[in-house]
Amino acid sequence: MNIRKISIGSDHGGFEYKDVIKNFLTNEGYEVIDEGTYSKESCDYPEIAKQVAKKVSTGEVSRGILICGSGIGMSIAANKVKGIRAALCSETTSARLSREHNNSNVLCMGQRLIGETMAVEIVKVWLNTEFSGGRHQNRIDMIE
């Protein structure tokens, strides 16, 4: 699995942040696979969430990032895919804990709920936080 390869997707409600985050990731040396959407035209978030989640679950990419208006729909849809631990984060503490304790592999955010600068900070923390393992792995095993 390539730890520098990330799948990203959004619906129309997260389209603007998707491009901002995609540019950030590319500048940081990540290979980014853009699963859409490619405009502000209304679209169905479950399809995009499933595309990103499947790439993560099969190991084609190491992690996924999903953005919609609130982040809620994307997180629900992504978590339907076996092996996905999608975390909805609106600040850096939850992003850090989702990695340390839950080994989240998909990050979900809501463009209508957080600022652009905060979204990038959340991504930074999420990408740079390692899973703690130990008792946390035992709990993850109970989920899967």
Protein backbone atom coordinates (compact mmCIF):
# COMPACT_ATOMS: atom_id res chain seq x y z
CA MET A 1 0.00 0.00 0.00
CA ASN A 2 1.33 3.40 -0.97
CA ILE A 3 1.15 5.66 2.09
CA ARG A 4 1.56 8.71 -0.11
CA LYS A 5 -1.48 7.89 -2.27
CA ILE A 6 -4.82 9.38 -1.25
CA SER A 7 -8.28 9.21 -2.81
CA ILE A 8 -10.39 12.36 -2.42
CA GLY A 9 -14.00 13.10 -3.26
CA SER A 10 -16.79 15.56 -2.64
CA ASP A 11 -20.29 16.36 -3.63
CA HIS A 12 -21.36 19.84 -4.77
CA GLY A 13 -21.43 21.01 -1.12
CA GLY A 14 -17.74 20.27 -0.66
CA PHE A 15 -16.41 20.93 -4.14
CA GLU A 16 -14.48 24.11 -3.29
CA TYR A 17 -12.63 22.60 -0.29
CA LYS A 18 -11.85 19.46 -2.26
CA ASP A 19 -9.82 21.52 -4.71
CA VAL A 20 -8.07 23.40 -1.88
CA ILE A 21 -7.16 20.16 -0.10
CA LYS A 22 -6.15 18.46 -3.34
CA ASN A 23 -3.72 21.31 -4.07
CA PHE A 24 -2.35 21.14 -0.52
CA LEU A 25 -1.79 17.38 -0.79
CA THR A 26 -0.12 17.64 -4.17
CA ASN A 27 2.22 20.35 -2.87
CA GLU A 28 3.09 18.05 0.05
CA GLY A 29 4.11 15.29 -2.35
CA TYR A 30 1.03 13.06 -2.14
CA GLU A 31 -0.38 11.34 -5.18
CA VAL A 32 -4.05 12.30 -5.25
CA ILE A 33 -6.82 10.41 -7.01
CA ASP A 34 -9.79 12.72 -7.52
CA GLU A 35 -13.06 10.77 -7.54
CA GLY A 36 -15.21 13.85 -8.25
CA THR A 37 -17.37 15.74 -8.32
CA TYR A 38 -15.87 18.15 -10.79
CA SER A 39 -18.36 21.03 -10.56
CA LYS A 40 -20.88 22.67 -8.24
CA GLU A 41 -23.71 20.89 -10.05
CA SER A 42 -25.85 18.81 -7.70
CA CYS A 43 -24.77 15.18 -7.41
CA ASP A 44 -25.29 12.13 -5.20
CA TYR A 45 -22.74 11.90 -2.38
CA PRO A 46 -23.18 8.14 -1.69
CA GLU A 47 -21.69 7.22 -5.06
CA ILE A 48 -18.58 9.33 -4.48
CA ALA A 49 -18.19 8.12 -0.89
CA LYS A 50 -18.37 4.52 -2.09
CA GLN A 51 -15.71 5.11 -4.78
CA VAL A 52 -13.26 6.60 -2.27
CA ALA A 53 -14.02 4.00 0.42
CA LYS A 54 -13.55 1.09 -1.98
CA LYS A 55 -10.12 2.35 -3.02
CA VAL A 56 -9.13 2.51 0.65
CA SER A 57 -10.64 -0.87 1.55
CA THR A 58 -8.84 -2.65 -1.31
CA GLY A 59 -5.51 -1.02 -0.46
CA GLU A 60 -5.27 0.83 -3.77
CA VAL A 61 -4.72 3.95 -1.65
CA SER A 62 -3.72 4.30 1.98
CA ARG A 63 -6.38 6.83 3.00
CA GLY A 64 -9.37 8.76 1.74
CA ILE A 65 -10.79 12.23 2.27
CA LEU A 66 -14.44 13.12 1.71
CA ILE A 67 -16.11 16.53 1.87
CA CYS A 68 -19.77 17.45 1.62
CA GLY A 69 -21.85 20.24 3.12
CA SER A 70 -21.89 18.81 6.65
CA GLY A 71 -19.67 15.74 6.30
CA ILE A 72 -22.40 13.60 7.86
CA GLY A 73 -23.73 11.95 4.71
CA MET A 74 -20.25 11.14 3.44
CA SER A 75 -19.24 9.56 6.75
CA ILE A 76 -22.38 7.44 6.92
CA ALA A 77 -21.98 6.25 3.32
CA ALA A 78 -18.24 5.52 3.62
CA ASN A 79 -18.72 3.52 6.83
CA LYS A 80 -20.98 1.08 4.97
CA VAL A 81 -17.91 -0.27 3.14
CA LYS A 82 -16.21 -3.16 4.98
CA GLY A 83 -12.92 -2.17 6.58
CA ILE A 84 -13.60 1.57 6.52
CA ARG A 85 -13.32 3.66 9.64
CA ALA A 86 -14.50 7.06 8.47
CA ALA A 87 -14.28 9.88 11.00
CA LEU A 88 -16.19 13.13 10.76
CA CYS A 89 -13.88 15.86 12.10
CA SER A 90 -14.53 19.56 12.59
CA GLU A 91 -11.36 20.40 14.53
CA THR A 92 -7.85 19.08 15.00
CA THR A 93 -8.36 17.25 18.31
CA SER A 94 -10.94 14.87 16.87
CA ALA A 95 -8.73 14.38 13.81
CA ARG A 96 -5.78 13.41 16.03
CA LEU A 97 -7.84 11.11 18.24
CA SER A 98 -9.52 9.46 15.25
CA ARG A 99 -6.07 8.35 14.12
CA GLU A 100 -4.50 7.59 17.52
CA HIS A 101 -7.42 5.63 18.97
CA ASN A 102 -9.53 4.52 16.00
CA ASN A 103 -6.99 4.23 13.18
CA SER A 104 -9.40 6.09 10.92
CA ASN A 105 -8.65 5.58 7.24
CA VAL A 106 -11.16 8.03 5.79
CA LEU A 107 -11.47 11.65 6.91
CA CYS A 108 -14.82 13.40 6.42
CA MET A 109 -15.43 17.12 6.73
CA GLY A 110 -18.25 19.60 6.18
CA GLN A 111 -17.48 22.62 4.04
CA ARG A 112 -20.48 24.52 5.40
CA LEU A 113 -19.37 23.99 9.00
CA ILE A 114 -15.65 24.80 9.11
CA GLY A 115 -13.36 27.39 7.61
CA GLU A 116 -10.95 26.63 4.79
CA THR A 117 -7.87 27.14 6.97
CA MET A 118 -9.28 24.78 9.61
CA ALA A 119 -9.98 22.15 6.95
CA VAL A 120 -6.34 22.17 5.85
CA GLU A 121 -5.15 22.04 9.49
CA ILE A 122 -7.41 19.03 10.13
CA VAL A 123 -5.93 17.26 7.11
CA LYS A 124 -2.38 18.01 8.30
CA VAL A 125 -3.00 16.62 11.78
CA TRP A 126 -4.89 13.59 10.46
CA LEU A 127 -2.14 12.68 8.00
CA ASN A 128 0.68 13.15 10.51
CA THR A 129 -0.83 11.25 13.44
CA GLU A 130 0.06 7.59 13.89
CA PHE A 131 -2.20 4.89 15.31
CA SER A 132 -1.37 4.04 18.95
CA GLY A 133 -2.21 0.34 18.67
CA GLY A 134 -2.35 -1.69 21.89
CA ARG A 135 -5.72 -1.65 23.60
CA HIS A 136 -7.06 0.46 20.73
CA GLN A 137 -6.34 -2.34 18.26
CA ASN A 138 -8.33 -4.73 20.44
CA ARG A 139 -11.31 -2.39 20.21
CA ILE A 140 -11.00 -1.99 16.46
CA ASP A 141 -10.92 -5.78 16.15
CA MET A 142 -14.27 -5.86 17.97
CA ILE A 143 -15.78 -3.56 15.34
CA GLU A 144 -14.54 -5.54 12.38
